Amino acid sequence: MTTFDDRERAFETKFAHDEEMRFRLLARRNKLLGLWAAKLMNLSPAEADSYAMDVVRADFEEGGDENVIRKLLGDLTGAGVDADDAQIREQLGFKTAEAKRQLVDTQ
C-alpha cells in the first residue's frame, strides 16, 4: 500500500507544482502585456508598473483571457491608441512565449 501512497503523493506534488508554474506564467505574461500597453499609452515608468499590476489583477475577475483582452482593448482605445482585438491576441502569444523564457531562465 505504501507504493500506491507514494505515487499518489508524487502525483499531487507534481500537480501542485504545475499549477503554481501555470499561475506564475500567466501573471508574468499579463504583466508583460500591461507594460506593452503602457508603452503604447505613453505612461511614465511608475504609471506603467502600476498599470501592469492592474492587468495582472484583471485576470482574477474571471477565468480565461477574455477579461484581460477586454481591459487592454478598452484602456488602449480610451487612451486614443489605435488597437484591435487581433493585435492584442497577437501580443498575448508573444508575451506568453517571453514569459516562458523568463521563467525558464530564472530556474
C-alpha atoms as a PDB file:
ATOM      1  CA  MET A   1       0.000   0.000   0.000  1.00  0.00           C
ATOM      2  CA  THR A   2       2.915   2.399   0.565  1.00  0.00           C
ATOM      3  CA  THR A   3       3.853   2.304  -3.131  1.00  0.00           C
ATOM      4  CA  PHE A   4       0.369   3.484  -4.027  1.00  0.00           C
ATOM      5  CA  ASP A   5       0.533   6.214  -1.355  1.00  0.00           C
ATOM      6  CA  ASP A   6       3.960   7.313  -2.615  1.00  0.00           C
ATOM      7  CA  ARG A   7       2.683   7.506  -6.183  1.00  0.00           C
ATOM      8  CA  GLU A   8      -0.364   9.450  -5.073  1.00  0.00           C
ATOM      9  CA  ARG A   9       1.770  11.936  -3.134  1.00  0.00           C
ATOM     10  CA  ALA A  10       4.120  12.306  -6.104  1.00  0.00           C
ATOM     11  CA  PHE A  11       1.167  12.969  -8.421  1.00  0.00           C
ATOM     12  CA  GLU A  12      -0.283  15.562  -6.030  1.00  0.00           C
ATOM     13  CA  THR A  13       3.099  17.255  -5.672  1.00  0.00           C
ATOM     14  CA  LYS A  14       3.553  17.408  -9.445  1.00  0.00           C
ATOM     15  CA  PHE A  15       0.029  18.743  -9.905  1.00  0.00           C
ATOM     16  CA  ALA A  16       0.623  21.477  -7.311  1.00  0.00           C
ATOM     17  CA  HIS A  17       3.932  22.399  -8.955  1.00  0.00           C
ATOM     18  CA  ASP A  18       2.375  22.515 -12.428  1.00  0.00           C
ATOM     19  CA  GLU A  19      -0.469  24.729 -11.183  1.00  0.00           C
ATOM     20  CA  GLU A  20       1.968  27.081  -9.469  1.00  0.00           C
ATOM     21  CA  MET A  21       4.046  27.334 -12.639  1.00  0.00           C
ATOM     22  CA  ARG A  22       0.904  27.996 -14.706  1.00  0.00           C
ATOM     23  CA  PHE A  23      -0.113  30.767 -12.288  1.00  0.00           C
ATOM     24  CA  ARG A  24       3.347  32.323 -12.400  1.00  0.00           C
ATOM     25  CA  LEU A  25       3.417  32.113 -16.204  1.00  0.00           C
ATOM     26  CA  LEU A  26       0.042  33.838 -16.588  1.00  0.00           C
ATOM     27  CA  ALA A  27       0.887  36.522 -14.035  1.00  0.00           C
ATOM     28  CA  ARG A  28       4.195  37.265 -15.758  1.00  0.00           C
ATOM     29  CA  ARG A  29       2.564  37.238 -19.188  1.00  0.00           C
ATOM     30  CA  ASN A  30      -0.116  39.660 -18.018  1.00  0.00           C
ATOM     31  CA  LYS A  31       2.490  41.960 -16.501  1.00  0.00           C
ATOM     32  CA  LEU A  32       4.393  41.957 -19.797  1.00  0.00           C
ATOM     33  CA  LEU A  33       1.147  42.714 -21.648  1.00  0.00           C
ATOM     34  CA  GLY A  34       0.455  45.569 -19.278  1.00  0.00           C
ATOM     35  CA  LEU A  35       3.921  47.008 -19.821  1.00  0.00           C
ATOM     36  CA  TRP A  36       3.468  46.712 -23.594  1.00  0.00           C
ATOM     37  CA  ALA A  37       0.125  48.544 -23.432  1.00  0.00           C
ATOM     38  CA  ALA A  38       1.538  51.159 -21.040  1.00  0.00           C
ATOM     39  CA  LYS A  39       4.278  51.929 -23.550  1.00  0.00           C
ATOM     40  CA  LEU A  40       1.674  52.424 -26.283  1.00  0.00           C
ATOM     41  CA  MET A  41      -0.226  54.782 -23.963  1.00  0.00           C
ATOM     42  CA  ASN A  42       2.982  56.715 -23.159  1.00  0.00           C
ATOM     43  CA  LEU A  43       2.690  56.146 -19.415  1.00  0.00           C
ATOM     44  CA  SER A  44       5.552  57.078 -17.105  1.00  0.00           C
ATOM     45  CA  PRO A  45       7.626  54.219 -15.648  1.00  0.00           C
ATOM     46  CA  ALA A  46       5.766  54.409 -12.319  1.00  0.00           C
ATOM     47  CA  GLU A  47       2.385  54.536 -14.064  1.00  0.00           C
ATOM     48  CA  ALA A  48       3.431  51.648 -16.312  1.00  0.00           C
ATOM     49  CA  ASP A  49       4.306  49.445 -13.334  1.00  0.00           C
ATOM     50  CA  SER A  50       1.011  50.293 -11.647  1.00  0.00           C
ATOM     51  CA  TYR A  51      -0.927  49.650 -14.842  1.00  0.00           C
ATOM     52  CA  ALA A  52       0.829  46.311 -15.393  1.00  0.00           C
ATOM     53  CA  MET A  53      -0.272  45.201 -11.917  1.00  0.00           C
ATOM     54  CA  ASP A  54      -3.841  46.281 -12.766  1.00  0.00           C
ATOM     55  CA  VAL A  55      -3.705  43.991 -15.798  1.00  0.00           C
ATOM     56  CA  VAL A  56      -2.457  41.125 -13.613  1.00  0.00           C
ATOM     57  CA  ARG A  57      -5.366  41.731 -11.198  1.00  0.00           C
ATOM     58  CA  ALA A  58      -7.843  41.872 -14.083  1.00  0.00           C
ATOM     59  CA  ASP A  59      -7.123  38.211 -14.798  1.00  0.00           C
ATOM     60  CA  PHE A  60      -8.596  37.266 -11.399  1.00  0.00           C
ATOM     61  CA  GLU A  61     -12.042  38.618 -12.314  1.00  0.00           C
ATOM     62  CA  GLU A  62     -12.977  35.587 -14.413  1.00  0.00           C
ATOM     63  CA  GLY A  63     -11.324  32.574 -15.973  1.00  0.00           C
ATOM     64  CA  GLY A  64      -9.675  32.761 -19.360  1.00  0.00           C
ATOM     65  CA  ASP A  65      -8.019  35.554 -21.256  1.00  0.00           C
ATOM     66  CA  GLU A  66     -11.104  37.475 -22.364  1.00  0.00           C
ATOM     67  CA  ASN A  67     -11.224  39.793 -19.346  1.00  0.00           C
ATOM     68  CA  VAL A  68      -7.577  40.779 -19.877  1.00  0.00           C
ATOM     69  CA  ILE A  69      -8.180  41.360 -23.583  1.00  0.00           C
ATOM     70  CA  ARG A  70     -11.275  43.464 -22.841  1.00  0.00           C
ATOM     71  CA  LYS A  71      -9.362  45.551 -20.297  1.00  0.00           C
ATOM     72  CA  LEU A  72      -6.452  46.173 -22.638  1.00  0.00           C
ATOM     73  CA  LEU A  73      -8.696  46.976 -25.593  1.00  0.00           C
ATOM     74  CA  GLY A  74     -10.825  49.355 -23.536  1.00  0.00           C
ATOM     75  CA  ASP A  75      -7.844  51.115 -21.985  1.00  0.00           C
ATOM     76  CA  LEU A  76      -5.933  51.417 -25.250  1.00  0.00           C
ATOM     77  CA  THR A  77      -8.979  52.705 -27.109  1.00  0.00           C
ATOM     78  CA  GLY A  78      -9.750  55.101 -24.258  1.00  0.00           C
ATOM     79  CA  ALA A  79      -6.202  56.464 -24.476  1.00  0.00           C
ATOM     80  CA  GLY A  80      -6.583  57.085 -28.208  1.00  0.00           C
ATOM     81  CA  VAL A  81      -4.318  54.213 -29.257  1.00  0.00           C
ATOM     82  CA  ASP A  82      -5.325  52.513 -32.494  1.00  0.00           C
ATOM     83  CA  ALA A  83      -5.540  48.893 -31.310  1.00  0.00           C
ATOM     84  CA  ASP A  84      -7.785  45.972 -32.082  1.00  0.00           C
ATOM     85  CA  ASP A  85      -8.595  42.539 -30.731  1.00  0.00           C
ATOM     86  CA  ALA A  86      -6.287  40.775 -33.216  1.00  0.00           C
ATOM     87  CA  GLN A  87      -3.295  42.924 -32.258  1.00  0.00           C
ATOM     88  CA  ILE A  88      -3.847  42.226 -28.562  1.00  0.00           C
ATOM     89  CA  ARG A  89      -4.242  38.488 -29.168  1.00  0.00           C
ATOM     90  CA  GLU A  90      -1.018  38.502 -31.184  1.00  0.00           C
ATOM     91  CA  GLN A  91       0.799  40.187 -28.292  1.00  0.00           C
ATOM     92  CA  LEU A  92      -0.798  37.670 -25.927  1.00  0.00           C
ATOM     93  CA  GLY A  93       1.019  34.910 -27.832  1.00  0.00           C
ATOM     94  CA  PHE A  94       4.301  36.813 -27.945  1.00  0.00           C
ATOM     95  CA  LYS A  95       4.178  37.665 -24.258  1.00  0.00           C
ATOM     96  CA  THR A  96       3.304  34.084 -23.320  1.00  0.00           C
ATOM     97  CA  ALA A  97       6.440  32.875 -25.096  1.00  0.00           C
ATOM     98  CA  GLU A  98       8.514  35.637 -23.482  1.00  0.00           C
ATOM     99  CA  ALA A  99       7.151  34.791 -20.030  1.00  0.00           C
ATOM    100  CA  LYS A 100       8.020  31.108 -20.554  1.00  0.00           C
ATOM    101  CA  ARG A 101      11.574  32.043 -21.498  1.00  0.00           C
ATOM    102  CA  GLN A 102      11.902  34.277 -18.450  1.00  0.00           C
ATOM    103  CA  LEU A 103      10.607  31.581 -16.119  1.00  0.00           C
ATOM    104  CA  VAL A 104      12.999  29.012 -17.547  1.00  0.00           C
ATOM    105  CA  ASP A 105      15.896  31.451 -17.189  1.00  0.00           C
ATOM    106  CA  THR A 106      15.102  32.048 -13.503  1.00  0.00           C
ATOM    107  CA  GLN A 107      15.078  28.371 -12.610  1.00  0.00           C
END
